[in-house]
Amino acid sequence: MRRSIRATVVSAVTVAAACAGLSAATTASAAPVQAKGAMACEQVVAKYGYPVGPGVKGACGVLEPPPSSYGELLECQQRLEALGVENGQAIEACWA
């Protein structure tokens, strides 16, 4: 009898620990990506040595007011790329 109670308790504790770990991982991975806004976008572009003129300000400006929609993030990226900003840098500026 004691042996089956102990086995049941051990099983219950193992399942509870596994569920708690899964819950924590799921919660962290479900967090949406937050865009930083136009000012941060312009700073990233400037960091890579591109001039921040009216074109960049207009591209980054589509991110205002936060939070930005998928379409706005994509438009920002495409507009920066059209101005000559490299793909990875445009993604960092608009999506990160």
C-alpha atoms as a PDB file:
ATOM      1  CA  MET A   1       0.000   0.000   0.000  1.00  0.00           C
ATOM      2  CA  ARG A   2       2.751   2.451   0.952  1.00  0.00           C
ATOM      3  CA  ARG A   3       4.600   1.661  -2.228  1.00  0.00           C
ATOM      4  CA  SER A   4       1.600   2.555  -4.438  1.00  0.00           C
ATOM      5  CA  ILE A   5       0.943   5.802  -2.543  1.00  0.00           C
ATOM      6  CA  ARG A   6       4.591   6.783  -2.927  1.00  0.00           C
ATOM      7  CA  ALA A   7       4.494   5.971  -6.650  1.00  0.00           C
ATOM      8  CA  THR A   8       1.316   8.006  -7.062  1.00  0.00           C
ATOM      9  CA  VAL A   9       2.813  11.010  -5.233  1.00  0.00           C
ATOM     10  CA  VAL A  10       6.024  10.823  -7.270  1.00  0.00           C
ATOM     11  CA  SER A  11       4.015  10.644 -10.493  1.00  0.00           C
ATOM     12  CA  ALA A  12       1.840  13.593  -9.494  1.00  0.00           C
ATOM     13  CA  VAL A  13       4.859  15.716  -8.584  1.00  0.00           C
ATOM     14  CA  THR A  14       6.589  14.842 -11.860  1.00  0.00           C
ATOM     15  CA  VAL A  15       3.522  15.750 -13.923  1.00  0.00           C
ATOM     16  CA  ALA A  16       3.033  19.006 -11.995  1.00  0.00           C
ATOM     17  CA  ALA A  17       6.672  19.996 -12.524  1.00  0.00           C
ATOM     18  CA  ALA A  18       6.472  19.214 -16.236  1.00  0.00           C
ATOM     19  CA  CYS A  19       3.280  21.247 -16.625  1.00  0.00           C
ATOM     20  CA  ALA A  20       4.770  24.206 -14.743  1.00  0.00           C
ATOM     21  CA  GLY A  21       7.832  24.172 -16.998  1.00  0.00           C
ATOM     22  CA  LEU A  22       5.694  23.941 -20.123  1.00  0.00           C
ATOM     23  CA  SER A  23       3.477  26.757 -18.917  1.00  0.00           C
ATOM     24  CA  ALA A  24       6.453  29.040 -18.313  1.00  0.00           C
ATOM     25  CA  ALA A  25       7.945  28.273 -21.722  1.00  0.00           C
ATOM     26  CA  THR A  26       4.645  28.800 -23.499  1.00  0.00           C
ATOM     27  CA  THR A  27       4.027  32.138 -21.794  1.00  0.00           C
ATOM     28  CA  ALA A  28       7.459  33.463 -22.696  1.00  0.00           C
ATOM     29  CA  SER A  29       7.271  32.360 -26.309  1.00  0.00           C
ATOM     30  CA  ALA A  30       3.791  33.792 -26.794  1.00  0.00           C
ATOM     31  CA  ALA A  31       4.865  37.369 -26.089  1.00  0.00           C
ATOM     32  CA  PRO A  32       4.332  39.564 -29.170  1.00  0.00           C
ATOM     33  CA  VAL A  33       7.183  41.450 -30.762  1.00  0.00           C
ATOM     34  CA  GLN A  34       6.992  45.099 -29.825  1.00  0.00           C
ATOM     35  CA  ALA A  35       8.184  47.694 -32.307  1.00  0.00           C
ATOM     36  CA  LYS A  36      10.191  50.522 -30.793  1.00  0.00           C
ATOM     37  CA  GLY A  37       8.705  53.353 -32.802  1.00  0.00           C
ATOM     38  CA  ALA A  38       9.959  55.968 -35.243  1.00  0.00           C
ATOM     39  CA  MET A  39      12.686  57.459 -33.046  1.00  0.00           C
ATOM     40  CA  ALA A  40      14.337  54.088 -32.402  1.00  0.00           C
ATOM     41  CA  CYS A  41      14.007  53.192 -36.097  1.00  0.00           C
ATOM     42  CA  GLU A  42      15.821  56.377 -37.095  1.00  0.00           C
ATOM     43  CA  GLN A  43      18.558  55.695 -34.527  1.00  0.00           C
ATOM     44  CA  VAL A  44      19.190  52.220 -35.948  1.00  0.00           C
ATOM     45  CA  VAL A  45      19.431  53.611 -39.486  1.00  0.00           C
ATOM     46  CA  ALA A  46      21.858  56.322 -38.302  1.00  0.00           C
ATOM     47  CA  LYS A  47      23.897  53.711 -36.413  1.00  0.00           C
ATOM     48  CA  TYR A  48      24.719  52.052 -39.733  1.00  0.00           C
ATOM     49  CA  GLY A  49      25.879  55.350 -41.238  1.00  0.00           C
ATOM     50  CA  TYR A  50      22.884  56.196 -43.394  1.00  0.00           C
ATOM     51  CA  PRO A  51      21.765  59.839 -43.429  1.00  0.00           C
ATOM     52  CA  VAL A  52      18.471  60.382 -41.637  1.00  0.00           C
ATOM     53  CA  GLY A  53      16.665  62.706 -44.013  1.00  0.00           C
ATOM     54  CA  PRO A  54      13.037  63.086 -45.048  1.00  0.00           C
ATOM     55  CA  GLY A  55      12.927  59.650 -46.725  1.00  0.00           C
ATOM     56  CA  VAL A  56      14.086  57.785 -43.617  1.00  0.00           C
ATOM     57  CA  LYS A  57      11.874  59.903 -41.376  1.00  0.00           C
ATOM     58  CA  GLY A  58       8.901  59.092 -43.617  1.00  0.00           C
ATOM     59  CA  ALA A  59       9.675  55.368 -43.659  1.00  0.00           C
ATOM     60  CA  CYS A  60      10.141  55.186 -39.897  1.00  0.00           C
ATOM     61  CA  GLY A  61       7.164  57.487 -39.369  1.00  0.00           C
ATOM     62  CA  VAL A  62       4.705  54.793 -40.449  1.00  0.00           C
ATOM     63  CA  LEU A  63       5.468  53.110 -37.102  1.00  0.00           C
ATOM     64  CA  GLU A  64       3.651  55.865 -35.200  1.00  0.00           C
ATOM     65  CA  PRO A  65       1.619  55.614 -33.093  1.00  0.00           C
ATOM     66  CA  PRO A  66       2.691  52.281 -31.561  1.00  0.00           C
ATOM     67  CA  PRO A  67       1.841  49.475 -31.589  1.00  0.00           C
ATOM     68  CA  SER A  68       2.436  49.042 -35.290  1.00  0.00           C
ATOM     69  CA  SER A  69       0.487  46.587 -37.409  1.00  0.00           C
ATOM     70  CA  TYR A  70       2.155  43.939 -39.559  1.00  0.00           C
ATOM     71  CA  GLY A  71       1.440  46.033 -42.641  1.00  0.00           C
ATOM     72  CA  GLU A  72       3.048  49.134 -41.126  1.00  0.00           C
ATOM     73  CA  LEU A  73       6.161  47.185 -40.121  1.00  0.00           C
ATOM     74  CA  LEU A  74       6.435  45.736 -43.617  1.00  0.00           C
ATOM     75  CA  GLU A  75       5.905  49.142 -45.237  1.00  0.00           C
ATOM     76  CA  CYS A  76       8.652  50.654 -43.074  1.00  0.00           C
ATOM     77  CA  GLN A  77      11.047  47.882 -44.085  1.00  0.00           C
ATOM     78  CA  GLN A  78      10.243  48.156 -47.788  1.00  0.00           C
ATOM     79  CA  ARG A  79      10.566  51.937 -47.809  1.00  0.00           C
ATOM     80  CA  LEU A  80      13.951  51.794 -46.079  1.00  0.00           C
ATOM     81  CA  GLU A  81      15.160  49.148 -48.543  1.00  0.00           C
ATOM     82  CA  ALA A  82      13.998  51.343 -51.438  1.00  0.00           C
ATOM     83  CA  LEU A  83      16.200  54.100 -50.001  1.00  0.00           C
ATOM     84  CA  GLY A  84      19.210  51.756 -50.093  1.00  0.00           C
ATOM     85  CA  VAL A  85      19.238  50.429 -46.529  1.00  0.00           C
ATOM     86  CA  GLU A  86      20.381  46.787 -46.481  1.00  0.00           C
ATOM     87  CA  ASN A  87      17.672  44.200 -45.797  1.00  0.00           C
ATOM     88  CA  GLY A  88      18.945  43.059 -42.387  1.00  0.00           C
ATOM     89  CA  GLN A  89      19.428  46.608 -41.210  1.00  0.00           C
ATOM     90  CA  ALA A  90      15.951  47.632 -42.373  1.00  0.00           C
ATOM     91  CA  ILE A  91      14.492  44.664 -40.533  1.00  0.00           C
ATOM     92  CA  GLU A  92      16.361  45.633 -37.373  1.00  0.00           C
ATOM     93  CA  ALA A  93      15.211  49.235 -37.666  1.00  0.00           C
ATOM     94  CA  CYS A  94      11.540  48.465 -38.253  1.00  0.00           C
ATOM     95  CA  TRP A  95      10.872  45.124 -36.558  1.00  0.00           C
ATOM     96  CA  ALA A  96      13.229  44.929 -33.586  1.00  0.00           C
END
